[in-house]
């Protein structure tokens, strides 16, 4: 009797059309979609601008609609009022919204800031003769942040709330 010397004698042949092959194909397709989306920047920062107008004031808030931890993100408030501004304006922002950010600072810095536990109130002295006021928040998403946050940004003029913008930032893995 001749003995087989091959180590492949007891290896099972590959079945065509098996569930395992179909599963591998689906897995590879999903992986390919994720790689293509990543290469096109889909998982990067997407900003959004929300604009509200009331009593002659127009406030636009540009913020990260979706982002990932560790990435720089835009955050800007622009207020437009034909004929200029009173001596001071106040921006109130939901306090908990800032927990997901690391900051480099505000430009310009607020002349004063306070908090009531729910909102942070930033008071800015304005220059006369200009119809636009812009404040930038130089920031990035904290590396440990995993969840997004919602916020309200309120424009307060002379102690009266003039406009409110609602925003939400989603954080992607």
C-alpha atoms as a PDB file:
ATOM      1  CA  UNK A   1       0.000   0.000   0.000  1.00  0.00           C
ATOM      2  CA  UNK A   2       1.401   3.347  -0.957  1.00  0.00           C
ATOM      3  CA  UNK A   3       1.277   6.035   1.656  1.00  0.00           C
ATOM      4  CA  UNK A   4       0.619   9.630   0.656  1.00  0.00           C
ATOM      5  CA  UNK A   5       3.412  12.000   1.623  1.00  0.00           C
ATOM      6  CA  UNK A   6       1.430  15.193   1.120  1.00  0.00           C
ATOM      7  CA  UNK A   7       0.464  17.390   4.081  1.00  0.00           C
ATOM      8  CA  UNK A   8      -2.576  18.556   2.148  1.00  0.00           C
ATOM      9  CA  UNK A   9      -4.372  15.226   2.081  1.00  0.00           C
ATOM     10  CA  UNK A  10      -6.562  16.023   5.080  1.00  0.00           C
ATOM     11  CA  UNK A  11      -7.298  19.673   4.135  1.00  0.00           C
ATOM     12  CA  UNK A  12     -10.904  20.274   3.248  1.00  0.00           C
ATOM     13  CA  UNK A  13     -11.489  21.757  -0.238  1.00  0.00           C
ATOM     14  CA  UNK A  14     -12.823  25.338  -0.479  1.00  0.00           C
ATOM     15  CA  UNK A  15     -16.494  25.413  -1.224  1.00  0.00           C
ATOM     16  CA  UNK A  16     -17.613  27.935  -3.778  1.00  0.00           C
ATOM     17  CA  UNK A  17     -20.492  30.206  -2.776  1.00  0.00           C
ATOM     18  CA  UNK A  18     -20.245  29.471   0.936  1.00  0.00           C
ATOM     19  CA  UNK A  19     -21.538  31.884   3.575  1.00  0.00           C
ATOM     20  CA  UNK A  20     -17.981  32.568   4.743  1.00  0.00           C
ATOM     21  CA  UNK A  21     -16.954  33.836   1.314  1.00  0.00           C
ATOM     22  CA  UNK A  22     -20.046  36.010   1.097  1.00  0.00           C
ATOM     23  CA  UNK A  23     -19.332  37.415   4.571  1.00  0.00           C
ATOM     24  CA  UNK A  24     -15.727  38.221   3.655  1.00  0.00           C
ATOM     25  CA  UNK A  25     -16.928  40.017   0.528  1.00  0.00           C
ATOM     26  CA  UNK A  26     -19.356  42.150   2.524  1.00  0.00           C
ATOM     27  CA  UNK A  27     -16.663  42.898   5.121  1.00  0.00           C
ATOM     28  CA  UNK A  28     -14.211  44.006   2.437  1.00  0.00           C
ATOM     29  CA  UNK A  29     -16.896  46.193   0.806  1.00  0.00           C
ATOM     30  CA  UNK A  30     -17.700  47.902   4.129  1.00  0.00           C
ATOM     31  CA  UNK A  31     -14.004  48.454   4.811  1.00  0.00           C
ATOM     32  CA  UNK A  32     -13.573  49.917   1.321  1.00  0.00           C
ATOM     33  CA  UNK A  33     -16.477  52.348   1.900  1.00  0.00           C
ATOM     34  CA  UNK A  34     -14.934  53.510   5.220  1.00  0.00           C
ATOM     35  CA  UNK A  35     -11.515  54.010   3.579  1.00  0.00           C
ATOM     36  CA  UNK A  36     -13.008  55.966   0.656  1.00  0.00           C
ATOM     37  CA  UNK A  37     -15.082  58.167   3.005  1.00  0.00           C
ATOM     38  CA  UNK A  38     -11.997  58.810   5.139  1.00  0.00           C
ATOM     39  CA  UNK A  39      -9.896  59.681   2.093  1.00  0.00           C
ATOM     40  CA  UNK A  40     -12.489  62.234   0.927  1.00  0.00           C
ATOM     41  CA  UNK A  41     -12.549  63.967   4.328  1.00  0.00           C
ATOM     42  CA  UNK A  42     -16.050  62.817   5.271  1.00  0.00           C
ATOM     43  CA  UNK A  43     -14.969  62.111   8.862  1.00  0.00           C
ATOM     44  CA  UNK A  44     -13.237  65.493   9.220  1.00  0.00           C
ATOM     45  CA  UNK A  45     -14.549  68.859  10.358  1.00  0.00           C
ATOM     46  CA  UNK A  46     -17.762  70.174   8.847  1.00  0.00           C
ATOM     47  CA  UNK A  47     -18.773  73.665   9.855  1.00  0.00           C
ATOM     48  CA  UNK A  48     -22.169  75.273   9.764  1.00  0.00           C
ATOM     49  CA  UNK A  49     -23.388  78.842  10.074  1.00  0.00           C
ATOM     50  CA  UNK A  50     -26.668  79.613  11.805  1.00  0.00           C
ATOM     51  CA  UNK A  51     -28.073  83.093  11.275  1.00  0.00           C
ATOM     52  CA  UNK A  52     -30.848  84.779  13.248  1.00  0.00           C
ATOM     53  CA  UNK A  53     -32.196  88.310  12.934  1.00  0.00           C
ATOM     54  CA  UNK A  54     -34.282  90.448  15.265  1.00  0.00           C
ATOM     55  CA  UNK A  55     -34.782  94.150  16.057  1.00  0.00           C
ATOM     56  CA  UNK A  56     -32.357  95.220  13.331  1.00  0.00           C
ATOM     57  CA  UNK A  57     -29.551  92.928  14.576  1.00  0.00           C
ATOM     58  CA  UNK A  58     -28.310  89.955  12.580  1.00  0.00           C
ATOM     59  CA  UNK A  59     -26.233  87.371  14.430  1.00  0.00           C
ATOM     60  CA  UNK A  60     -24.382  84.595  12.581  1.00  0.00           C
ATOM     61  CA  UNK A  61     -22.698  81.792  14.517  1.00  0.00           C
ATOM     62  CA  UNK A  62     -20.198  79.585  12.670  1.00  0.00           C
ATOM     63  CA  UNK A  63     -19.449  76.405  14.596  1.00  0.00           C
ATOM     64  CA  UNK A  64     -18.356  72.791  14.047  1.00  0.00           C
ATOM     65  CA  UNK A  65     -21.406  70.771  13.017  1.00  0.00           C
ATOM     66  CA  UNK A  66     -19.323  67.587  13.086  1.00  0.00           C
ATOM     67  CA  UNK A  67     -15.727  67.040  14.102  1.00  0.00           C
ATOM     68  CA  UNK A  68     -13.323  64.575  15.661  1.00  0.00           C
ATOM     69  CA  UNK A  69     -11.253  64.794  18.793  1.00  0.00           C
ATOM     70  CA  UNK A  70      -7.964  66.638  18.387  1.00  0.00           C
ATOM     71  CA  UNK A  71      -8.970  68.677  15.314  1.00  0.00           C
ATOM     72  CA  UNK A  72      -9.037  72.480  15.064  1.00  0.00           C
ATOM     73  CA  UNK A  73     -12.566  73.757  14.598  1.00  0.00           C
ATOM     74  CA  UNK A  74     -14.112  77.093  13.607  1.00  0.00           C
ATOM     75  CA  UNK A  75     -16.143  79.069  16.141  1.00  0.00           C
ATOM     76  CA  UNK A  76     -17.126  82.639  15.301  1.00  0.00           C
ATOM     77  CA  UNK A  77     -19.939  85.017  16.129  1.00  0.00           C
ATOM     78  CA  UNK A  78     -20.637  87.921  13.792  1.00  0.00           C
ATOM     79  CA  UNK A  79     -23.188  90.556  14.720  1.00  0.00           C
ATOM     80  CA  UNK A  80     -24.336  93.095  12.144  1.00  0.00           C
ATOM     81  CA  UNK A  81     -26.326  96.216  13.000  1.00  0.00           C
ATOM     82  CA  UNK A  82     -26.686  99.113  10.553  1.00  0.00           C
ATOM     83  CA  UNK A  83     -25.746 102.314  12.306  1.00  0.00           C
ATOM     84  CA  UNK A  84     -23.375 100.716  14.812  1.00  0.00           C
ATOM     85  CA  UNK A  85     -23.691  99.388  18.325  1.00  0.00           C
ATOM     86  CA  UNK A  86     -24.298 100.674  21.815  1.00  0.00           C
ATOM     87  CA  UNK A  87     -21.257 100.906  24.106  1.00  0.00           C
ATOM     88  CA  UNK A  88     -21.446  97.206  25.118  1.00  0.00           C
ATOM     89  CA  UNK A  89     -22.900  93.961  23.819  1.00  0.00           C
ATOM     90  CA  UNK A  90     -23.166  90.668  25.666  1.00  0.00           C
ATOM     91  CA  UNK A  91     -22.937  87.172  24.230  1.00  0.00           C
ATOM     92  CA  UNK A  92     -24.310  84.398  26.441  1.00  0.00           C
ATOM     93  CA  UNK A  93     -23.252  80.837  25.563  1.00  0.00           C
ATOM     94  CA  UNK A  94     -24.387  77.598  27.186  1.00  0.00           C
ATOM     95  CA  UNK A  95     -21.614  76.824  29.687  1.00  0.00           C
ATOM     96  CA  UNK A  96     -21.527  73.026  29.219  1.00  0.00           C
ATOM     97  CA  UNK A  97     -20.891  73.424  25.472  1.00  0.00           C
ATOM     98  CA  UNK A  98     -17.329  74.544  26.164  1.00  0.00           C
ATOM     99  CA  UNK A  99     -16.458  71.302  28.021  1.00  0.00           C
ATOM    100  CA  UNK A 100     -15.493  69.579  24.757  1.00  0.00           C
ATOM    101  CA  UNK A 101     -13.042  72.302  23.677  1.00  0.00           C
ATOM    102  CA  UNK A 102      -9.421  73.173  24.380  1.00  0.00           C
ATOM    103  CA  UNK A 103      -8.864  76.841  23.734  1.00  0.00           C
ATOM    104  CA  UNK A 104      -6.130  79.160  22.628  1.00  0.00           C
ATOM    105  CA  UNK A 105      -8.252  82.216  23.426  1.00  0.00           C
ATOM    106  CA  UNK A 106     -10.866  84.697  22.315  1.00  0.00           C
ATOM    107  CA  UNK A 107     -10.235  87.401  19.732  1.00  0.00           C
ATOM    108  CA  UNK A 108     -11.002  89.982  20.913  1.00  0.00           C
ATOM    109  CA  UNK A 109     -10.967  89.086  24.594  1.00  0.00           C
ATOM    110  CA  UNK A 110     -14.143  89.846  26.493  1.00  0.00           C
ATOM    111  CA  UNK A 111     -13.921  92.910  28.696  1.00  0.00           C
ATOM    112  CA  UNK A 112     -15.645  90.876  31.404  1.00  0.00           C
ATOM    113  CA  UNK A 113     -17.102  87.416  31.796  1.00  0.00           C
ATOM    114  CA  UNK A 114     -19.413  85.844  34.352  1.00  0.00           C
ATOM    115  CA  UNK A 115     -21.516  82.720  34.737  1.00  0.00           C
ATOM    116  CA  UNK A 116     -24.835  81.837  36.303  1.00  0.00           C
ATOM    117  CA  UNK A 117     -24.064  78.092  36.096  1.00  0.00           C
ATOM    118  CA  UNK A 118     -26.053  77.613  32.872  1.00  0.00           C
ATOM    119  CA  UNK A 119     -24.623  80.361  30.655  1.00  0.00           C
ATOM    120  CA  UNK A 120     -21.323  82.199  30.416  1.00  0.00           C
ATOM    121  CA  UNK A 121     -21.860  85.901  29.747  1.00  0.00           C
ATOM    122  CA  UNK A 122     -19.154  87.611  27.706  1.00  0.00           C
ATOM    123  CA  UNK A 123     -19.357  91.408  27.742  1.00  0.00           C
ATOM    124  CA  UNK A 124     -17.559  93.269  24.956  1.00  0.00           C
ATOM    125  CA  UNK A 125     -16.968  96.999  24.640  1.00  0.00           C
ATOM    126  CA  UNK A 126     -17.707  97.955  21.051  1.00  0.00           C
ATOM    127  CA  UNK A 127     -16.106 100.543  18.826  1.00  0.00           C
ATOM    128  CA  UNK A 128     -18.314 103.242  17.507  1.00  0.00           C
ATOM    129  CA  UNK A 129     -18.643 103.737  13.798  1.00  0.00           C
ATOM    130  CA  UNK A 130     -18.713 100.106  12.708  1.00  0.00           C
ATOM    131  CA  UNK A 131     -21.720  98.054  11.655  1.00  0.00           C
ATOM    132  CA  UNK A 132     -20.091  94.679  12.376  1.00  0.00           C
ATOM    133  CA  UNK A 133     -18.776  93.036  15.498  1.00  0.00           C
ATOM    134  CA  UNK A 134     -16.864  89.746  15.152  1.00  0.00           C
ATOM    135  CA  UNK A 135     -15.491  87.495  17.884  1.00  0.00           C
ATOM    136  CA  UNK A 136     -13.423  84.373  17.153  1.00  0.00           C
ATOM    137  CA  UNK A 137     -12.817  81.485  19.526  1.00  0.00           C
ATOM    138  CA  UNK A 138      -9.507  79.798  18.653  1.00  0.00           C
ATOM    139  CA  UNK A 139     -10.140  76.213  19.682  1.00  0.00           C
ATOM    140  CA  UNK A 140      -9.908  72.513  18.982  1.00  0.00           C
ATOM    141  CA  UNK A 141     -11.800  69.451  20.214  1.00  0.00           C
ATOM    142  CA  UNK A 142     -10.268  67.917  23.348  1.00  0.00           C
ATOM    143  CA  UNK A 143      -8.597  64.583  22.583  1.00  0.00           C
ATOM    144  CA  UNK A 144     -10.713  62.856  25.257  1.00  0.00           C
ATOM    145  CA  UNK A 145     -14.065  64.192  24.015  1.00  0.00           C
ATOM    146  CA  UNK A 146     -16.351  61.451  22.758  1.00  0.00           C
ATOM    147  CA  UNK A 147     -19.804  63.010  22.632  1.00  0.00           C
ATOM    148  CA  UNK A 148     -21.117  66.155  21.021  1.00  0.00           C
ATOM    149  CA  UNK A 149     -22.950  68.978  22.745  1.00  0.00           C
ATOM    150  CA  UNK A 150     -25.771  71.413  22.119  1.00  0.00           C
ATOM    151  CA  UNK A 151     -25.740  75.103  22.937  1.00  0.00           C
ATOM    152  CA  UNK A 152     -27.582  78.357  22.686  1.00  0.00           C
ATOM    153  CA  UNK A 153     -25.825  81.599  21.829  1.00  0.00           C
ATOM    154  CA  UNK A 154     -27.754  84.678  22.931  1.00  0.00           C
ATOM    155  CA  UNK A 155     -27.184  88.259  21.893  1.00  0.00           C
ATOM    156  CA  UNK A 156     -28.017  90.638  24.727  1.00  0.00           C
ATOM    157  CA  UNK A 157     -28.184  94.392  24.129  1.00  0.00           C
ATOM    158  CA  UNK A 158     -28.893  96.776  27.005  1.00  0.00           C
ATOM    159  CA  UNK A 159     -29.893  93.897  29.284  1.00  0.00           C
ATOM    160  CA  UNK A 160     -32.475  92.617  26.772  1.00  0.00           C
ATOM    161  CA  UNK A 161     -32.158  89.368  24.831  1.00  0.00           C
ATOM    162  CA  UNK A 162     -32.302  90.299  21.152  1.00  0.00           C
ATOM    163  CA  UNK A 163     -31.527  87.039  19.313  1.00  0.00           C
ATOM    164  CA  UNK A 164     -30.839  83.374  20.101  1.00  0.00           C
ATOM    165  CA  UNK A 165     -29.095  80.811  17.896  1.00  0.00           C
ATOM    166  CA  UNK A 166     -29.279  77.074  18.638  1.00  0.00           C
ATOM    167  CA  UNK A 167     -26.449  74.776  17.607  1.00  0.00           C
ATOM    168  CA  UNK A 168     -25.288  71.187  18.001  1.00  0.00           C
ATOM    169  CA  UNK A 169     -21.874  69.667  17.421  1.00  0.00           C
ATOM    170  CA  UNK A 170     -21.564  65.930  16.690  1.00  0.00           C
ATOM    171  CA  UNK A 171     -18.275  64.214  17.446  1.00  0.00           C
ATOM    172  CA  UNK A 172     -17.240  61.299  15.229  1.00  0.00           C
ATOM    173  CA  UNK A 173     -14.851  58.541  16.305  1.00  0.00           C
END
